[in-house]
PDB file of N, CA and C in Angstrom:
ATOM      1  N   UNK A   1      76.415  38.050  75.845  1.00  0.00           N
ATOM      2  CA  UNK A   1      77.191  39.144  76.169  1.00  0.00           C
ATOM      3  C   UNK A   1      77.606  39.058  77.477  1.00  0.00           C
ATOM      4  N   UNK A   2      78.649  39.768  77.628  1.00  0.00           N
ATOM      5  CA  UNK A   2      79.322  39.627  79.147  1.00  0.00           C
ATOM      6  C   UNK A   2      79.707  40.992  79.537  1.00  0.00           C
ATOM      7  N   UNK A   3      79.650  41.398  81.044  1.00  0.00           N
ATOM      8  CA  UNK A   3      80.002  42.494  81.486  1.00  0.00           C
ATOM      9  C   UNK A   3      80.613  42.220  82.931  1.00  0.00           C
ATOM     10  N   UNK A   4      81.493  43.140  83.185  1.00  0.00           N
ATOM     11  CA  UNK A   4      82.066  43.078  84.605  1.00  0.00           C
ATOM     12  C   UNK A   4      81.267  43.865  85.374  1.00  0.00           C
ATOM     13  N   UNK A   5      80.345  44.692  85.021  1.00  0.00           N
ATOM     14  CA  UNK A   5      79.319  45.485  86.012  1.00  0.00           C
ATOM     15  C   UNK A   5      78.041  45.062  85.366  1.00  0.00           C
ATOM     16  N   UNK A   6      77.260  45.247  86.545  1.00  0.00           N
ATOM     17  CA  UNK A   6      75.664  45.228  85.960  1.00  0.00           C
ATOM     18  C   UNK A   6      75.298  46.131  85.150  1.00  0.00           C
ATOM     19  N   UNK A   7      74.408  45.755  84.209  1.00  0.00           N
ATOM     20  CA  UNK A   7      74.030  46.896  83.338  1.00  0.00           C
ATOM     21  C   UNK A   7      72.336  47.144  83.738  1.00  0.00           C
ATOM     22  N   UNK A   8      72.136  48.382  84.184  1.00  0.00           N
ATOM     23  CA  UNK A   8      70.646  48.563  84.621  1.00  0.00           C
ATOM     24  C   UNK A   8      69.764  48.650  83.647  1.00  0.00           C
ATOM     25  N   UNK A   9      70.147  49.286  82.489  1.00  0.00           N
ATOM     26  CA  UNK A   9      69.177  49.519  81.230  1.00  0.00           C
ATOM     27  C   UNK A   9      69.386  48.456  80.198  1.00  0.00           C
ATOM     28  N   UNK A  10      68.441  47.463  79.807  1.00  0.00           N
ATOM     29  CA  UNK A  10      68.592  46.423  79.016  1.00  0.00           C
ATOM     30  C   UNK A  10      68.852  46.931  77.576  1.00  0.00           C
ATOM     31  N   UNK A  11      68.330  48.137  77.209  1.00  0.00           N
ATOM     32  CA  UNK A  11      68.797  48.887  75.931  1.00  0.00           C
ATOM     33  C   UNK A  11      70.127  49.150  75.955  1.00  0.00           C
ATOM     34  N   UNK A  12      71.035  49.091  76.754  1.00  0.00           N
ATOM     35  CA  UNK A  12      72.543  49.412  76.877  1.00  0.00           C
ATOM     36  C   UNK A  12      73.275  48.030  76.781  1.00  0.00           C
ATOM     37  N   UNK A  13      72.599  46.928  76.735  1.00  0.00           N
ATOM     38  CA  UNK A  13      73.676  45.853  76.689  1.00  0.00           C
ATOM     39  C   UNK A  13      74.469  45.844  75.259  1.00  0.00           C
ATOM     40  N   UNK A  14      73.857  45.838  74.363  1.00  0.00           N
ATOM     41  CA  UNK A  14      74.648  45.747  73.045  1.00  0.00           C
ATOM     42  C   UNK A  14      75.944  46.911  72.951  1.00  0.00           C
ATOM     43  N   UNK A  15      75.840  47.845  73.773  1.00  0.00           N
ATOM     44  CA  UNK A  15      76.840  48.897  73.537  1.00  0.00           C
ATOM     45  C   UNK A  15      77.715  48.888  74.779  1.00  0.00           C
ATOM     46  N   UNK A  16      77.318  48.199  75.854  1.00  0.00           N
ATOM     47  CA  UNK A  16      78.036  48.301  77.172  1.00  0.00           C
ATOM     48  C   UNK A  16      78.830  46.956  77.519  1.00  0.00           C
ATOM     49  N   UNK A  17      78.072  45.733  76.920  1.00  0.00           N
ATOM     50  CA  UNK A  17      78.545  44.486  77.192  1.00  0.00           C
ATOM     51  C   UNK A  17      79.481  43.881  76.028  1.00  0.00           C
ATOM     52  N   UNK A  18      80.390  43.010  76.302  1.00  0.00           N
ATOM     53  CA  UNK A  18      80.952  42.265  75.211  1.00  0.00           C
ATOM     54  C   UNK A  18      80.294  41.018  74.713  1.00  0.00           C
ATOM     55  N   UNK A  19      80.137  40.900  73.388  1.00  0.00           N
ATOM     56  CA  UNK A  19      79.490  39.914  72.721  1.00  0.00           C
ATOM     57  C   UNK A  19      80.396  38.649  72.872  1.00  0.00           C
ATOM     58  N   UNK A  20      79.761  37.582  73.250  1.00  0.00           N
ATOM     59  CA  UNK A  20      80.443  36.362  73.503  1.00  0.00           C
ATOM     60  C   UNK A  20      80.548  35.114  72.108  1.00  0.00           C
ATOM     61  N   UNK A  21      79.400  35.785  71.527  1.00  0.00           N
ATOM     62  CA  UNK A  21      78.783  34.687  70.364  1.00  0.00           C
ATOM     63  C   UNK A  21      77.720  34.021  70.432  1.00  0.00           C
ATOM     64  N   UNK A  22      77.414  33.091  69.488  1.00  0.00           N
ATOM     65  CA  UNK A  22      76.165  32.201  69.382  1.00  0.00           C
ATOM     66  C   UNK A  22      76.480  30.716  69.878  1.00  0.00           C
ATOM     67  N   UNK A  23      75.601  30.191  70.874  1.00  0.00           N
ATOM     68  CA  UNK A  23      76.035  28.902  71.109  1.00  0.00           C
ATOM     69  C   UNK A  23      75.053  28.540  72.363  1.00  0.00           C
ATOM     70  N   UNK A  24      75.320  27.361  72.970  1.00  0.00           N
ATOM     71  CA  UNK A  24      74.585  27.006  74.060  1.00  0.00           C
ATOM     72  C   UNK A  24      75.249  27.188  75.383  1.00  0.00           C
ATOM     73  N   UNK A  25      76.481  27.330  75.404  1.00  0.00           N
ATOM     74  CA  UNK A  25      77.338  27.696  76.680  1.00  0.00           C
ATOM     75  C   UNK A  25      78.490  28.488  76.237  1.00  0.00           C
ATOM     76  N   UNK A  26      79.214  29.088  77.321  1.00  0.00           N
ATOM     77  CA  UNK A  26      80.252  29.907  77.145  1.00  0.00           C
ATOM     78  C   UNK A  26      81.238  29.906  78.296  1.00  0.00           C
ATOM     79  N   UNK A  27      82.439  30.291  78.044  1.00  0.00           N
ATOM     80  CA  UNK A  27      83.315  30.024  79.296  1.00  0.00           C
ATOM     81  C   UNK A  27      83.973  31.661  79.279  1.00  0.00           C
ATOM     82  N   UNK A  28      84.258  32.141  80.144  1.00  0.00           N
ATOM     83  CA  UNK A  28      85.009  33.550  80.378  1.00  0.00           C
ATOM     84  C   UNK A  28      86.352  33.452  81.125  1.00  0.00           C
ATOM     85  N   UNK A  29      87.355  33.897  80.520  1.00  0.00           N
ATOM     86  CA  UNK A  29      88.576  33.880  81.317  1.00  0.00           C
ATOM     87  C   UNK A  29      89.368  35.238  81.149  1.00  0.00           C
ATOM     88  N   UNK A  30      90.444  35.399  81.916  1.00  0.00           N
ATOM     89  CA  UNK A  30      91.367  36.586  81.626  1.00  0.00           C
ATOM     90  C   UNK A  30      91.538  37.016  82.894  1.00  0.00           C
ATOM     91  N   UNK A  31      92.574  38.063  82.934  1.00  0.00           N
ATOM     92  CA  UNK A  31      93.037  38.543  83.996  1.00  0.00           C
ATOM     93  C   UNK A  31      92.207  39.419  85.004  1.00  0.00           C
ATOM     94  N   UNK A  32      91.048  39.893  84.410  1.00  0.00           N
ATOM     95  CA  UNK A  32      90.101  40.414  85.173  1.00  0.00           C
ATOM     96  C   UNK A  32      89.063  39.686  85.989  1.00  0.00           C
ATOM     97  N   UNK A  33      89.050  38.241  85.620  1.00  0.00           N
ATOM     98  CA  UNK A  33      88.273  37.370  86.703  1.00  0.00           C
ATOM     99  C   UNK A  33      88.825  37.331  87.840  1.00  0.00           C
ATOM    100  N   UNK A  34      88.310  37.834  88.952  1.00  0.00           N
ATOM    101  CA  UNK A  34      88.803  37.749  90.223  1.00  0.00           C
ATOM    102  C   UNK A  34      87.828  36.932  91.105  1.00  0.00           C
ATOM    103  N   UNK A  35      88.440  36.062  92.030  1.00  0.00           N
ATOM    104  CA  UNK A  35      87.428  35.423  93.028  1.00  0.00           C
ATOM    105  C   UNK A  35      86.837  36.432  93.868  1.00  0.00           C
ATOM    106  N   UNK A  36      85.397  36.158  94.243  1.00  0.00           N
ATOM    107  CA  UNK A  36      84.684  36.948  95.092  1.00  0.00           C
ATOM    108  C   UNK A  36      84.017  38.170  94.315  1.00  0.00           C
ATOM    109  N   UNK A  37      84.384  38.346  93.032  1.00  0.00           N
ATOM    110  CA  UNK A  37      83.534  39.440  92.191  1.00  0.00           C
ATOM    111  C   UNK A  37      82.497  38.735  91.247  1.00  0.00           C
ATOM    112  N   UNK A  38      81.438  39.632  91.181  1.00  0.00           N
ATOM    113  CA  UNK A  38      80.449  39.287  90.353  1.00  0.00           C
ATOM    114  C   UNK A  38      80.590  39.672  88.899  1.00  0.00           C
ATOM    115  N   UNK A  39      80.072  38.717  88.040  1.00  0.00           N
ATOM    116  CA  UNK A  39      80.084  39.281  86.758  1.00  0.00           C
ATOM    117  C   UNK A  39      78.760  38.697  86.107  1.00  0.00           C
ATOM    118  N   UNK A  40      78.661  39.628  84.949  1.00  0.00           N
ATOM    119  CA  UNK A  40      76.952  39.483  84.351  1.00  0.00           C
ATOM    120  C   UNK A  40      77.095  38.954  83.214  1.00  0.00           C
ATOM    121  N   UNK A  41      76.090  38.241  82.693  1.00  0.00           N
ATOM    122  CA  UNK A  41      75.903  37.630  81.600  1.00  0.00           C
ATOM    123  C   UNK A  41      74.239  38.147  81.084  1.00  0.00           C
ATOM    124  N   UNK A  42      74.134  38.348  79.651  1.00  0.00           N
ATOM    125  CA  UNK A  42      72.876  38.643  79.120  1.00  0.00           C
ATOM    126  C   UNK A  42      72.735  37.863  78.015  1.00  0.00           C
ATOM    127  N   UNK A  43      71.560  37.200  77.936  1.00  0.00           N
ATOM    128  CA  UNK A  43      71.298  36.222  76.982  1.00  0.00           C
ATOM    129  C   UNK A  43      69.863  36.558  76.297  1.00  0.00           C
ATOM    130  N   UNK A  44      69.883  36.288  75.042  1.00  0.00           N
ATOM    131  CA  UNK A  44      68.512  36.494  74.370  1.00  0.00           C
ATOM    132  C   UNK A  44      68.453  35.401  73.278  1.00  0.00           C
ATOM    133  N   UNK A  45      67.418  35.256  72.725  1.00  0.00           N
ATOM    134  CA  UNK A  45      66.892  34.273  71.771  1.00  0.00           C
ATOM    135  C   UNK A  45      66.683  34.994  70.505  1.00  0.00           C
ATOM    136  N   UNK A  46      67.469  34.583  69.318  1.00  0.00           N
ATOM    137  CA  UNK A  46      67.189  35.201  68.063  1.00  0.00           C
ATOM    138  C   UNK A  46      66.695  34.119  67.080  1.00  0.00           C
ATOM    139  N   UNK A  47      65.691  34.391  66.527  1.00  0.00           N
ATOM    140  CA  UNK A  47      65.354  33.508  65.171  1.00  0.00           C
ATOM    141  C   UNK A  47      64.670  34.375  64.202  1.00  0.00           C
ATOM    142  N   UNK A  48      63.695  33.563  63.200  1.00  0.00           N
ATOM    143  CA  UNK A  48      63.244  34.181  62.231  1.00  0.00           C
ATOM    144  C   UNK A  48      62.284  35.071  62.608  1.00  0.00           C
ATOM    145  N   UNK A  49      61.615  35.025  63.980  1.00  0.00           N
ATOM    146  CA  UNK A  49      60.487  36.001  64.247  1.00  0.00           C
ATOM    147  C   UNK A  49      61.149  37.210  64.719  1.00  0.00           C
ATOM    148  N   UNK A  50      62.176  37.251  65.345  1.00  0.00           N
ATOM    149  CA  UNK A  50      62.770  38.330  65.896  1.00  0.00           C
ATOM    150  C   UNK A  50      63.642  38.099  66.999  1.00  0.00           C
ATOM    151  N   UNK A  51      63.991  38.973  67.766  1.00  0.00           N
ATOM    152  CA  UNK A  51      64.823  38.899  69.044  1.00  0.00           C
ATOM    153  C   UNK A  51      64.260  39.099  70.192  1.00  0.00           C
ATOM    154  N   UNK A  52      64.441  38.152  71.398  1.00  0.00           N
ATOM    155  CA  UNK A  52      63.689  38.254  72.539  1.00  0.00           C
ATOM    156  C   UNK A  52      64.409  39.296  73.442  1.00  0.00           C
ATOM    157  N   UNK A  53      63.807  39.660  74.745  1.00  0.00           N
ATOM    158  CA  UNK A  53      64.311  40.527  75.547  1.00  0.00           C
ATOM    159  C   UNK A  53      65.558  39.825  76.020  1.00  0.00           C
ATOM    160  N   UNK A  54      66.518  40.681  76.764  1.00  0.00           N
ATOM    161  CA  UNK A  54      67.783  39.850  77.347  1.00  0.00           C
ATOM    162  C   UNK A  54      67.161  39.695  78.547  1.00  0.00           C
ATOM    163  N   UNK A  55      67.796  38.436  79.105  1.00  0.00           N
ATOM    164  CA  UNK A  55      67.634  37.671  80.369  1.00  0.00           C
ATOM    165  C   UNK A  55      69.116  37.896  81.019  1.00  0.00           C
ATOM    166  N   UNK A  56      69.001  38.251  82.242  1.00  0.00           N
ATOM    167  CA  UNK A  56      70.142  38.752  82.996  1.00  0.00           C
ATOM    168  C   UNK A  56      70.539  37.492  83.881  1.00  0.00           C
ATOM    169  N   UNK A  57      71.888  37.220  83.905  1.00  0.00           N
ATOM    170  CA  UNK A  57      72.235  36.367  85.089  1.00  0.00           C
ATOM    171  C   UNK A  57      73.592  36.539  85.490  1.00  0.00           C
ATOM    172  N   UNK A  58      74.045  36.448  86.766  1.00  0.00           N
ATOM    173  CA  UNK A  58      75.367  36.614  87.327  1.00  0.00           C
ATOM    174  C   UNK A  58      75.970  35.430  87.713  1.00  0.00           C
ATOM    175  N   UNK A  59      77.447  35.675  87.914  1.00  0.00           N
ATOM    176  CA  UNK A  59      78.118  34.289  88.220  1.00  0.00           C
ATOM    177  C   UNK A  59      79.212  34.887  89.249  1.00  0.00           C
ATOM    178  N   UNK A  60      79.962  34.193  89.980  1.00  0.00           N
ATOM    179  CA  UNK A  60      80.885  34.692  90.905  1.00  0.00           C
ATOM    180  C   UNK A  60      81.975  33.672  90.897  1.00  0.00           C
ATOM    181  N   UNK A  61      83.126  34.219  90.523  1.00  0.00           N
ATOM    182  CA  UNK A  61      84.470  33.310  90.401  1.00  0.00           C
ATOM    183  C   UNK A  61      84.865  32.756  92.015  1.00  0.00           C
ATOM    184  N   UNK A  62      85.499  31.781  92.002  1.00  0.00           N
ATOM    185  CA  UNK A  62      85.600  31.097  93.420  1.00  0.00           C
ATOM    186  C   UNK A  62      87.216  30.698  93.179  1.00  0.00           C
ATOM    187  N   UNK A  63      87.899  30.905  94.393  1.00  0.00           N
ATOM    188  CA  UNK A  63      89.371  30.209  94.736  1.00  0.00           C
ATOM    189  C   UNK A  63      89.201  29.001  95.638  1.00  0.00           C
ATOM    190  N   UNK A  64      88.077  28.517  95.699  1.00  0.00           N
ATOM    191  CA  UNK A  64      87.845  27.212  96.696  1.00  0.00           C
ATOM    192  C   UNK A  64      88.304  26.119  96.004  1.00  0.00           C
ATOM    193  N   UNK A  65      89.437  25.811  95.433  1.00  0.00           N
ATOM    194  CA  UNK A  65      89.908  24.521  94.958  1.00  0.00           C
ATOM    195  C   UNK A  65      89.965  23.370  95.775  1.00  0.00           C
ATOM    196  N   UNK A  66      90.096  23.436  97.059  1.00  0.00           N
ATOM    197  CA  UNK A  66      89.900  22.342  97.688  1.00  0.00           C
ATOM    198  C   UNK A  66      88.379  21.803  97.818  1.00  0.00           C
ATOM    199  N   UNK A  67      87.374  22.755  97.912  1.00  0.00           N
ATOM    200  CA  UNK A  67      86.032  22.525  98.054  1.00  0.00           C
ATOM    201  C   UNK A  67      85.459  21.952  96.679  1.00  0.00           C
ATOM    202  N   UNK A  68      86.076  22.335  95.625  1.00  0.00           N
ATOM    203  CA  UNK A  68      85.758  21.671  94.474  1.00  0.00           C
ATOM    204  C   UNK A  68      86.197  20.342  94.116  1.00  0.00           C
ATOM    205  N   UNK A  69      87.417  20.237  94.390  1.00  0.00           N
ATOM    206  CA  UNK A  69      87.881  18.785  94.340  1.00  0.00           C
ATOM    207  C   UNK A  69      87.447  17.916  95.200  1.00  0.00           C
ATOM    208  N   UNK A  70      86.809  18.246  96.523  1.00  0.00           N
ATOM    209  CA  UNK A  70      86.057  17.452  97.296  1.00  0.00           C
ATOM    210  C   UNK A  70      84.662  16.948  96.782  1.00  0.00           C
ATOM    211  N   UNK A  71      84.042  18.048  96.157  1.00  0.00           N
ATOM    212  CA  UNK A  71      82.795  17.812  95.441  1.00  0.00           C
ATOM    213  C   UNK A  71      82.756  16.698  94.157  1.00  0.00           C
ATOM    214  N   UNK A  72      84.064  16.918  93.400  1.00  0.00           N
ATOM    215  CA  UNK A  72      84.053  16.232  92.117  1.00  0.00           C
ATOM    216  C   UNK A  72      84.542  14.733  92.717  1.00  0.00           C
ATOM    217  N   UNK A  73      85.172  14.506  93.802  1.00  0.00           N
ATOM    218  CA  UNK A  73      85.757  13.218  94.472  1.00  0.00           C
ATOM    219  C   UNK A  73      84.462  12.444  94.725  1.00  0.00           C
ATOM    220  N   UNK A  74      83.431  13.110  95.379  1.00  0.00           N
ATOM    221  CA  UNK A  74      82.374  12.445  95.820  1.00  0.00           C
ATOM    222  C   UNK A  74      81.553  12.189  94.568  1.00  0.00           C
ATOM    223  N   UNK A  75      81.467  12.954  93.639  1.00  0.00           N
ATOM    224  CA  UNK A  75      80.714  12.641  92.383  1.00  0.00           C
ATOM    225  C   UNK A  75      81.332  11.372  91.751  1.00  0.00           C
ATOM    226  N   UNK A  76      82.626  11.494  91.341  1.00  0.00           N
ATOM    227  CA  UNK A  76      83.100  10.496  90.662  1.00  0.00           C
ATOM    228  C   UNK A  76      83.446   8.973  91.301  1.00  0.00           C
ATOM    229  N   UNK A  77      83.258   9.024  92.567  1.00  0.00           N
ATOM    230  CA  UNK A  77      83.202   7.823  93.431  1.00  0.00           C
ATOM    231  C   UNK A  77      81.835   6.974  93.438  1.00  0.00           C
ATOM    232  N   UNK A  78      80.809   7.770  93.022  1.00  0.00           N
ATOM    233  CA  UNK A  78      79.365   7.202  93.015  1.00  0.00           C
ATOM    234  C   UNK A  78      79.281   6.202  91.715  1.00  0.00           C
TER     235      UNK A  78
END
């Protein structure tokens, strides 16, 4: 689940956030992803026993291309 704003009440995640799907990783893109803005992800486990509580994580987009290129340059050179 993905939201452009933090959701204060976990009971509102399913109605306020966008469902991204089932998997081990996701990427989010689009015109609303702007550098320096926080975005929120809500993750839970679903299995035969039921559904876990949502866990919240935030991320921030960056426009520091030069910094990332330097980081990858160092890692590739090893």
